[in-house]
PDB file of N, CA and C in Angstrom:
ATOM      1  N   MET A   1      -5.512  98.454 -22.455  1.00  0.00           N
ATOM      2  CA  MET A   1      -4.669  98.865 -23.547  1.00  0.00           C
ATOM      3  C   MET A   1      -3.676  97.767 -23.918  1.00  0.00           C
ATOM      4  N   HIS A   2      -3.258  97.011 -22.906  1.00  0.00           N
ATOM      5  CA  HIS A   2      -2.285  95.949 -23.141  1.00  0.00           C
ATOM      6  C   HIS A   2      -2.819  94.944 -24.161  1.00  0.00           C
ATOM      7  N   THR A   3      -4.052  94.502 -23.963  1.00  0.00           N
ATOM      8  CA  THR A   3      -4.660  93.533 -24.880  1.00  0.00           C
ATOM      9  C   THR A   3      -4.821  94.131 -26.266  1.00  0.00           C
ATOM     10  N   SER A   4      -5.235  95.378 -26.329  1.00  0.00           N
ATOM     11  CA  SER A   4      -5.396  96.045 -27.629  1.00  0.00           C
ATOM     12  C   SER A   4      -4.073  96.130 -28.370  1.00  0.00           C
ATOM     13  N   ALA A   5      -3.004  96.454 -27.646  1.00  0.00           N
ATOM     14  CA  ALA A   5      -1.681  96.550 -28.275  1.00  0.00           C
ATOM     15  C   ALA A   5      -1.249  95.191 -28.821  1.00  0.00           C
ATOM     16  N   CYS A   6      -1.504  94.132 -28.070  1.00  0.00           N
ATOM     17  CA  CYS A   6      -1.155  92.781 -28.539  1.00  0.00           C
ATOM     18  C   CYS A   6      -1.944  92.421 -29.790  1.00  0.00           C
ATOM     19  N   HIS A   7      -3.226  92.747 -29.809  1.00  0.00           N
ATOM     20  CA  HIS A   7      -4.052  92.445 -30.982  1.00  0.00           C
ATOM     21  C   HIS A   7      -3.611  93.266 -32.199  1.00  0.00           C
ATOM     22  N   LEU A   8      -3.254  94.502 -31.973  1.00  0.00           N
ATOM     23  CA  LEU A   8      -2.767  95.329 -33.079  1.00  0.00           C
ATOM     24  C   LEU A   8      -1.482  94.746 -33.662  1.00  0.00           C
ATOM     25  N   LEU A   9      -0.592  94.316 -32.798  1.00  0.00           N
ATOM     26  CA  LEU A   9       0.663  93.723 -33.251  1.00  0.00           C
ATOM     27  C   LEU A   9       0.406  92.456 -34.057  1.00  0.00           C
ATOM     28  N   GLN A  10      -0.488  91.608 -33.554  1.00  0.00           N
ATOM     29  CA  GLN A  10      -0.817  90.368 -34.262  1.00  0.00           C
ATOM     30  C   GLN A  10      -1.503  90.639 -35.594  1.00  0.00           C
ATOM     31  N   ALA A  11      -2.175  91.769 -35.698  1.00  0.00           N
ATOM     32  CA  ALA A  11      -2.848  92.132 -36.948  1.00  0.00           C
ATOM     33  C   ALA A  11      -1.872  92.722 -37.959  1.00  0.00           C
ATOM     34  N   GLY A  12      -0.607  92.911 -37.527  1.00  0.00           N
ATOM     35  CA  GLY A  12       0.391  93.404 -38.452  1.00  0.00           C
ATOM     36  C   GLY A  12       0.622  94.903 -38.411  1.00  0.00           C
ATOM     37  N   VAL A  13       0.054  95.567 -37.399  1.00  0.00           N
ATOM     38  CA  VAL A  13       0.264  97.011 -37.268  1.00  0.00           C
ATOM     39  C   VAL A  13       1.715  97.247 -36.870  1.00  0.00           C
ATOM     40  N   ASP A  14       2.343  98.218 -37.496  1.00  0.00           N
ATOM     41  CA  ASP A  14       3.735  98.570 -37.232  1.00  0.00           C
ATOM     42  C   ASP A  14       3.932  98.930 -35.757  1.00  0.00           C
ATOM     43  N   LEU A  15       5.027  98.440 -35.184  1.00  0.00           N
ATOM     44  CA  LEU A  15       5.305  98.672 -33.764  1.00  0.00           C
ATOM     45  C   LEU A  15       5.428 100.161 -33.439  1.00  0.00           C
ATOM     46  N   ASN A  16       5.964 100.937 -34.351  1.00  0.00           N
ATOM     47  CA  ASN A  16       6.091 102.378 -34.131  1.00  0.00           C
ATOM     48  C   ASN A  16       4.722 103.049 -34.060  1.00  0.00           C
ATOM     49  N   THR A  17       3.775 102.545 -34.834  1.00  0.00           N
ATOM     50  CA  THR A  17       2.410 103.078 -34.792  1.00  0.00           C
ATOM     51  C   THR A  17       1.770 102.755 -33.455  1.00  0.00           C
ATOM     52  N   ILE A  18       1.986 101.533 -32.978  1.00  0.00           N
ATOM     53  CA  ILE A  18       1.453 101.136 -31.675  1.00  0.00           C
ATOM     54  C   ILE A  18       2.082 101.993 -30.579  1.00  0.00           C
ATOM     55  N   ARG A  19       3.390 102.251 -30.689  1.00  0.00           N
ATOM     56  CA  ARG A  19       4.084 103.104 -29.728  1.00  0.00           C
ATOM     57  C   ARG A  19       3.419 104.473 -29.645  1.00  0.00           C
ATOM     58  N   ALA A  20       3.145 105.065 -30.799  1.00  0.00           N
ATOM     59  CA  ALA A  20       2.517 106.388 -30.831  1.00  0.00           C
ATOM     60  C   ALA A  20       1.103 106.336 -30.260  1.00  0.00           C
ATOM     61  N   TRP A  21       0.364 105.290 -30.578  1.00  0.00           N
ATOM     62  CA  TRP A  21      -1.009 105.152 -30.099  1.00  0.00           C
ATOM     63  C   TRP A  21      -1.043 105.022 -28.577  1.00  0.00           C
ATOM     64  N   LEU A  22      -0.065 104.296 -28.016  1.00  0.00           N
ATOM     65  CA  LEU A  22      -0.002 104.120 -26.569  1.00  0.00           C
ATOM     66  C   LEU A  22       0.580 105.337 -25.852  1.00  0.00           C
ATOM     67  N   GLY A  23       1.232 106.214 -26.607  1.00  0.00           N
ATOM     68  CA  GLY A  23       1.833 107.395 -26.006  1.00  0.00           C
ATOM     69  C   GLY A  23       3.199 107.132 -25.404  1.00  0.00           C
ATOM     70  N   HIS A  24       3.830 106.032 -25.805  1.00  0.00           N
ATOM     71  CA  HIS A  24       5.167 105.730 -25.304  1.00  0.00           C
ATOM     72  C   HIS A  24       6.181 106.656 -25.958  1.00  0.00           C
ATOM     73  N   VAL A  25       7.109 107.144 -25.167  1.00  0.00           N
ATOM     74  CA  VAL A  25       8.173 107.995 -25.705  1.00  0.00           C
ATOM     75  C   VAL A  25       9.218 107.129 -26.382  1.00  0.00           C
ATOM     76  N   SER A  26       9.526 105.989 -25.774  1.00  0.00           N
ATOM     77  CA  SER A  26      10.585 105.121 -26.264  1.00  0.00           C
ATOM     78  C   SER A  26      10.002 103.860 -26.898  1.00  0.00           C
ATOM     79  N   LEU A  27      10.604 103.449 -28.003  1.00  0.00           N
ATOM     80  CA  LEU A  27      10.186 102.202 -28.644  1.00  0.00           C
ATOM     81  C   LEU A  27      10.544 101.010 -27.762  1.00  0.00           C
ATOM     82  N   GLU A  28      11.569 101.166 -26.908  1.00  0.00           N
ATOM     83  CA  GLU A  28      11.962 100.103 -25.984  1.00  0.00           C
ATOM     84  C   GLU A  28      10.805  99.717 -25.065  1.00  0.00           C
ATOM     85  N   THR A  29      10.015 100.689 -24.654  1.00  0.00           N
ATOM     86  CA  THR A  29       8.863 100.427 -23.793  1.00  0.00           C
ATOM     87  C   THR A  29       7.836  99.583 -24.526  1.00  0.00           C
ATOM     88  N   THR A  30       7.659  99.832 -25.798  1.00  0.00           N
ATOM     89  CA  THR A  30       6.665  99.110 -26.598  1.00  0.00           C
ATOM     90  C   THR A  30       7.154  97.716 -26.972  1.00  0.00           C
ATOM     91  N   ASN A  31       8.452  97.483 -26.930  1.00  0.00           N
ATOM     92  CA  ASN A  31       9.002  96.174 -27.300  1.00  0.00           C
ATOM     93  C   ASN A  31       8.495  95.042 -26.424  1.00  0.00           C
ATOM     94  N   ILE A  32       7.966  95.332 -25.245  1.00  0.00           N
ATOM     95  CA  ILE A  32       7.447  94.258 -24.394  1.00  0.00           C
ATOM     96  C   ILE A  32       6.320  93.506 -25.094  1.00  0.00           C
ATOM     97  N   TYR A  33       5.591  94.183 -25.972  1.00  0.00           N
ATOM     98  CA  TYR A  33       4.497  93.526 -26.683  1.00  0.00           C
ATOM     99  C   TYR A  33       5.028  92.534 -27.714  1.00  0.00           C
ATOM    100  N   VAL A  34       6.177  92.813 -28.255  1.00  0.00           N
ATOM    101  CA  VAL A  34       6.801  91.882 -29.193  1.00  0.00           C
ATOM    102  C   VAL A  34       7.313  90.663 -28.432  1.00  0.00           C
ATOM    103  N   GLU A  35       7.886  90.895 -27.274  1.00  0.00           N
ATOM    104  CA  GLU A  35       8.475  89.826 -26.484  1.00  0.00           C
ATOM    105  C   GLU A  35       7.450  88.847 -25.949  1.00  0.00           C
ATOM    106  N   ILE A  36       6.226  89.282 -25.701  1.00  0.00           N
ATOM    107  CA  ILE A  36       5.229  88.388 -25.132  1.00  0.00           C
ATOM    108  C   ILE A  36       4.354  87.710 -26.181  1.00  0.00           C
ATOM    109  N   ASP A  37       4.551  88.021 -27.440  1.00  0.00           N
ATOM    110  CA  ASP A  37       3.727  87.459 -28.502  1.00  0.00           C
ATOM    111  C   ASP A  37       4.156  86.015 -28.779  1.00  0.00           C
ATOM    112  N   LEU A  38       3.518  85.059 -28.120  1.00  0.00           N
ATOM    113  CA  LEU A  38       3.904  83.660 -28.221  1.00  0.00           C
ATOM    114  C   LEU A  38       3.703  83.092 -29.618  1.00  0.00           C
ATOM    115  N   GLU A  39       2.698  83.568 -30.322  1.00  0.00           N
ATOM    116  CA  GLU A  39       2.451  83.074 -31.680  1.00  0.00           C
ATOM    117  C   GLU A  39       3.616  83.420 -32.597  1.00  0.00           C
ATOM    118  N   ARG A  40       4.111  84.639 -32.492  1.00  0.00           N
ATOM    119  CA  ARG A  40       5.260  85.052 -33.305  1.00  0.00           C
ATOM    120  C   ARG A  40       6.508  84.274 -32.914  1.00  0.00           C
ATOM    121  N   LYS A  41       6.672  84.005 -31.619  1.00  0.00           N
ATOM    122  CA  LYS A  41       7.811  83.201 -31.173  1.00  0.00           C
ATOM    123  C   LYS A  41       7.741  81.804 -31.770  1.00  0.00           C
ATOM    124  N   ALA A  42       6.539  81.215 -31.787  1.00  0.00           N
ATOM    125  CA  ALA A  42       6.365  79.871 -32.351  1.00  0.00           C
ATOM    126  C   ALA A  42       6.685  79.870 -33.843  1.00  0.00           C
ATOM    127  N   GLU A  43       6.297  80.917 -34.553  1.00  0.00           N
ATOM    128  CA  GLU A  43       6.606  81.015 -35.982  1.00  0.00           C
ATOM    129  C   GLU A  43       8.114  81.101 -36.204  1.00  0.00           C
ATOM    130  N   ALA A  44       8.803  81.858 -35.364  1.00  0.00           N
ATOM    131  CA  ALA A  44      10.254  81.998 -35.499  1.00  0.00           C
ATOM    132  C   ALA A  44      10.955  80.676 -35.219  1.00  0.00           C
ATOM    133  N   VAL A  45      10.492  79.958 -34.211  1.00  0.00           N
ATOM    134  CA  VAL A  45      11.085  78.658 -33.882  1.00  0.00           C
ATOM    135  C   VAL A  45      10.843  77.671 -35.013  1.00  0.00           C
ATOM    136  N   ALA A  46       9.669  77.711 -35.625  1.00  0.00           N
ATOM    137  CA  ALA A  46       9.366  76.805 -36.740  1.00  0.00           C
ATOM    138  C   ALA A  46      10.292  77.042 -37.919  1.00  0.00           C
ATOM    139  N   LEU A  47      10.721  78.273 -38.116  1.00  0.00           N
ATOM    140  CA  LEU A  47      11.652  78.573 -39.200  1.00  0.00           C
ATOM    141  C   LEU A  47      13.029  77.973 -38.944  1.00  0.00           C
ATOM    142  N   CYS A  48      13.313  77.662 -37.703  1.00  0.00           N
ATOM    143  CA  CYS A  48      14.613  77.104 -37.319  1.00  0.00           C
ATOM    144  C   CYS A  48      14.544  75.593 -37.157  1.00  0.00           C
ATOM    145  N   ASP A  49      13.538  74.965 -37.698  1.00  0.00           N
ATOM    146  CA  ASP A  49      13.348  73.523 -37.550  1.00  0.00           C
ATOM    147  C   ASP A  49      14.573  72.774 -38.046  1.00  0.00           C
ATOM    148  N   THR A  50      15.129  71.946 -37.194  1.00  0.00           N
ATOM    149  CA  THR A  50      16.322  71.172 -37.550  1.00  0.00           C
ATOM    150  C   THR A  50      15.997  69.685 -37.661  1.00  0.00           C
ATOM    151  N   ALA A  51      14.771  69.370 -37.963  1.00  0.00           N
ATOM    152  CA  ALA A  51      14.361  67.973 -38.063  1.00  0.00           C
ATOM    153  C   ALA A  51      15.100  67.241 -39.178  1.00  0.00           C
ATOM    154  N   GLN A  52      15.442  67.954 -40.231  1.00  0.00           N
ATOM    155  CA  GLN A  52      16.169  67.353 -41.337  1.00  0.00           C
ATOM    156  C   GLN A  52      17.621  67.183 -40.907  1.00  0.00           C
ATOM    157  N   SER A  53      18.077  65.920 -40.846  1.00  0.00           N
ATOM    158  CA  SER A  53      19.408  65.656 -40.312  1.00  0.00           C
ATOM    159  C   SER A  53      20.520  66.159 -41.234  1.00  0.00           C
ATOM    160  N   GLU A  54      20.326  66.022 -42.515  1.00  0.00           N
ATOM    161  CA  GLU A  54      21.337  66.483 -43.470  1.00  0.00           C
ATOM    162  C   GLU A  54      20.694  67.442 -44.461  1.00  0.00           C
ATOM    163  N   PRO A  55      21.381  68.505 -44.811  1.00  0.00           N
ATOM    164  CA  PRO A  55      20.813  69.412 -45.813  1.00  0.00           C
ATOM    165  C   PRO A  55      20.686  68.715 -47.171  1.00  0.00           C
ATOM    166  N   ASP A  56      19.713  69.163 -47.931  1.00  0.00           N
ATOM    167  CA  ASP A  56      19.501  68.608 -49.267  1.00  0.00           C
ATOM    168  C   ASP A  56      20.621  69.091 -50.181  1.00  0.00           C
ATOM    169  N   ARG A  57      21.363  68.158 -50.741  1.00  0.00           N
ATOM    170  CA  ARG A  57      22.480  68.506 -51.627  1.00  0.00           C
ATOM    171  C   ARG A  57      22.357  67.714 -52.932  1.00  0.00           C
ATOM    172  N   PRO A  58      21.489  68.176 -53.827  1.00  0.00           N
ATOM    173  CA  PRO A  58      21.275  67.439 -55.072  1.00  0.00           C
ATOM    174  C   PRO A  58      22.527  67.363 -55.953  1.00  0.00           C
ATOM    175  N   TRP A  59      23.455  68.285 -55.777  1.00  0.00           N
ATOM    176  CA  TRP A  59      24.674  68.263 -56.587  1.00  0.00           C
ATOM    177  C   TRP A  59      25.519  67.039 -56.287  1.00  0.00           C
ATOM    178  N   LYS A  60      25.317  66.403 -55.125  1.00  0.00           N
ATOM    179  CA  LYS A  60      26.080  65.192 -54.803  1.00  0.00           C
ATOM    180  C   LYS A  60      25.666  64.013 -55.680  1.00  0.00           C
ATOM    181  N   GLN A  61      24.503  64.114 -56.287  1.00  0.00           N
ATOM    182  CA  GLN A  61      24.020  63.054 -57.175  1.00  0.00           C
ATOM    183  C   GLN A  61      24.664  63.121 -58.553  1.00  0.00           C
ATOM    184  N   ASN A  62      25.286  64.253 -58.868  1.00  0.00           N
ATOM    185  CA  ASN A  62      25.918  64.448 -60.167  1.00  0.00           C
ATOM    186  C   ASN A  62      27.292  63.778 -60.156  1.00  0.00           C
ATOM    187  N   LYS A  63      27.382  62.579 -60.763  1.00  0.00           N
ATOM    188  CA  LYS A  63      28.621  61.795 -60.722  1.00  0.00           C
ATOM    189  C   LYS A  63      29.781  62.497 -61.413  1.00  0.00           C
ATOM    190  N   GLY A  64      29.499  63.214 -62.493  1.00  0.00           N
ATOM    191  CA  GLY A  64      30.543  63.946 -63.199  1.00  0.00           C
ATOM    192  C   GLY A  64      31.137  65.037 -62.324  1.00  0.00           C
ATOM    193  N   LEU A  65      30.288  65.769 -61.662  1.00  0.00           N
ATOM    194  CA  LEU A  65      30.743  66.831 -60.780  1.00  0.00           C
ATOM    195  C   LEU A  65      31.536  66.262 -59.615  1.00  0.00           C
ATOM    196  N   MET A  66      31.042  65.180 -59.022  1.00  0.00           N
ATOM    197  CA  MET A  66      31.734  64.571 -57.888  1.00  0.00           C
ATOM    198  C   MET A  66      33.103  64.032 -58.313  1.00  0.00           C
ATOM    199  N   ALA A  67      33.182  63.462 -59.513  1.00  0.00           N
ATOM    200  CA  ALA A  67      34.471  62.947 -59.999  1.00  0.00           C
ATOM    201  C   ALA A  67      35.458  64.098 -60.186  1.00  0.00           C
ATOM    202  N   PHE A  68      34.963  65.212 -60.739  1.00  0.00           N
ATOM    203  CA  PHE A  68      35.821  66.401 -60.901  1.00  0.00           C
ATOM    204  C   PHE A  68      36.295  66.920 -59.549  1.00  0.00           C
ATOM    205  N   LEU A  69      35.405  67.038 -58.593  1.00  0.00           N
ATOM    206  CA  LEU A  69      35.769  67.543 -57.277  1.00  0.00           C
ATOM    207  C   LEU A  69      36.771  66.640 -56.586  1.00  0.00           C
ATOM    208  N   ASN A  70      36.666  65.323 -56.816  1.00  0.00           N
ATOM    209  CA  ASN A  70      37.607  64.390 -56.196  1.00  0.00           C
ATOM    210  C   ASN A  70      39.016  64.497 -56.790  1.00  0.00           C
ATOM    211  N   THR A  71      39.116  65.085 -57.972  1.00  0.00           N
ATOM    212  CA  THR A  71      40.440  65.250 -58.570  1.00  0.00           C
ATOM    213  C   THR A  71      41.160  66.495 -58.055  1.00  0.00           C
ATOM    214  N   LEU A  72      40.483  67.336 -57.392  1.00  0.00           N
ATOM    215  CA  LEU A  72      41.101  68.577 -56.897  1.00  0.00           C
ATOM    216  C   LEU A  72      41.981  68.344 -55.704  1.00  0.00           C
TER     217      LEU A  72
END
Protein backbone atom coordinates (compact mmCIF):
# COMPACT_ATOMS: atom_id res chain seq x y z
CA MET A 1 0.00 0.00 0.00
CA HIS A 2 2.91 2.31 0.74
CA THR A 3 4.13 2.22 -2.87
CA SER A 4 0.60 2.68 -4.20
CA ALA A 5 0.07 5.72 -1.98
CA CYS A 6 3.33 7.27 -3.22
CA HIS A 7 2.35 6.67 -6.85
CA LEU A 8 -1.09 8.15 -6.28
CA LEU A 9 0.45 11.24 -4.73
CA GLN A 10 2.89 11.63 -7.63
CA ALA A 11 -0.02 11.28 -10.05
CA GLY A 12 -1.65 14.29 -8.41
CA VAL A 13 -4.32 12.52 -6.37
CA ASP A 14 -5.49 14.69 -3.47
CA LEU A 15 -3.91 13.73 -0.14
CA ASN A 16 -7.32 13.57 1.53
CA THR A 17 -8.46 11.03 -1.06
CA ILE A 18 -5.37 8.93 -0.39
CA ARG A 19 -6.08 9.20 3.35
CA ALA A 20 -9.59 7.83 2.83
CA TRP A 21 -8.36 5.07 0.52
CA LEU A 22 -5.78 3.95 3.09
CA GLY A 23 -8.32 4.12 5.90
CA HIS A 24 -6.33 6.63 7.93
CA VAL A 25 -8.35 8.53 10.50
CA SER A 26 -5.92 11.44 10.65
CA LEU A 27 -4.43 13.35 7.74
CA GLU A 28 -1.25 13.62 9.85
CA THR A 29 -0.72 9.88 9.35
CA THR A 30 -0.96 10.28 5.58
CA ASN A 31 1.47 13.23 5.56
CA ILE A 32 4.40 10.81 5.71
CA TYR A 33 3.84 10.18 2.00
CA VAL A 34 4.29 13.86 1.26
CA GLU A 35 7.45 14.01 3.36
CA ILE A 36 9.15 11.14 1.55
CA ASP A 37 8.36 12.30 -1.98
CA LEU A 38 11.87 13.27 -3.11
CA GLU A 39 10.73 14.43 -6.54
CA ARG A 40 8.39 17.00 -5.00
CA LYS A 41 11.16 18.11 -2.63
CA ALA A 42 13.49 18.62 -5.60
CA GLU A 43 10.84 20.70 -7.37
CA ALA A 44 10.39 22.88 -4.28
CA VAL A 45 14.15 23.40 -3.94
CA ALA A 46 14.39 24.34 -7.63
CA LEU A 47 11.83 27.08 -7.06
CA CYS A 48 14.16 28.54 -4.43
CA ASP A 49 17.17 28.68 -6.77
CA THR A 50 19.43 31.53 -5.69
CA ALA A 51 21.92 31.21 -8.52
CA GLN A 52 21.08 34.72 -9.69
CA SER A 53 23.24 36.97 -7.53
CA GLU A 54 21.18 40.12 -8.00
CA PRO A 55 17.48 40.37 -8.77
CA ASP A 56 16.55 41.70 -12.18
CA ARG A 57 15.73 45.40 -11.79
CA PRO A 58 15.04 46.87 -15.23
CA TRP A 59 13.81 50.12 -13.66
CA LYS A 60 17.44 50.89 -12.73
CA GLN A 61 18.14 51.35 -16.43
CA ASN A 62 15.64 54.23 -16.60
CA LYS A 63 17.90 57.29 -16.18
CA GLY A 64 14.97 59.67 -15.72
CA LEU A 65 13.52 57.59 -12.92
CA MET A 66 16.91 57.17 -11.24
CA ALA A 67 17.55 60.93 -11.42
CA PHE A 68 14.14 61.58 -9.82
CA LEU A 69 14.78 59.04 -7.06
CA ASN A 70 18.18 60.59 -6.33
CA THR A 71 16.49 63.93 -5.69
CA LEU A 72 14.34 62.53 -2.91
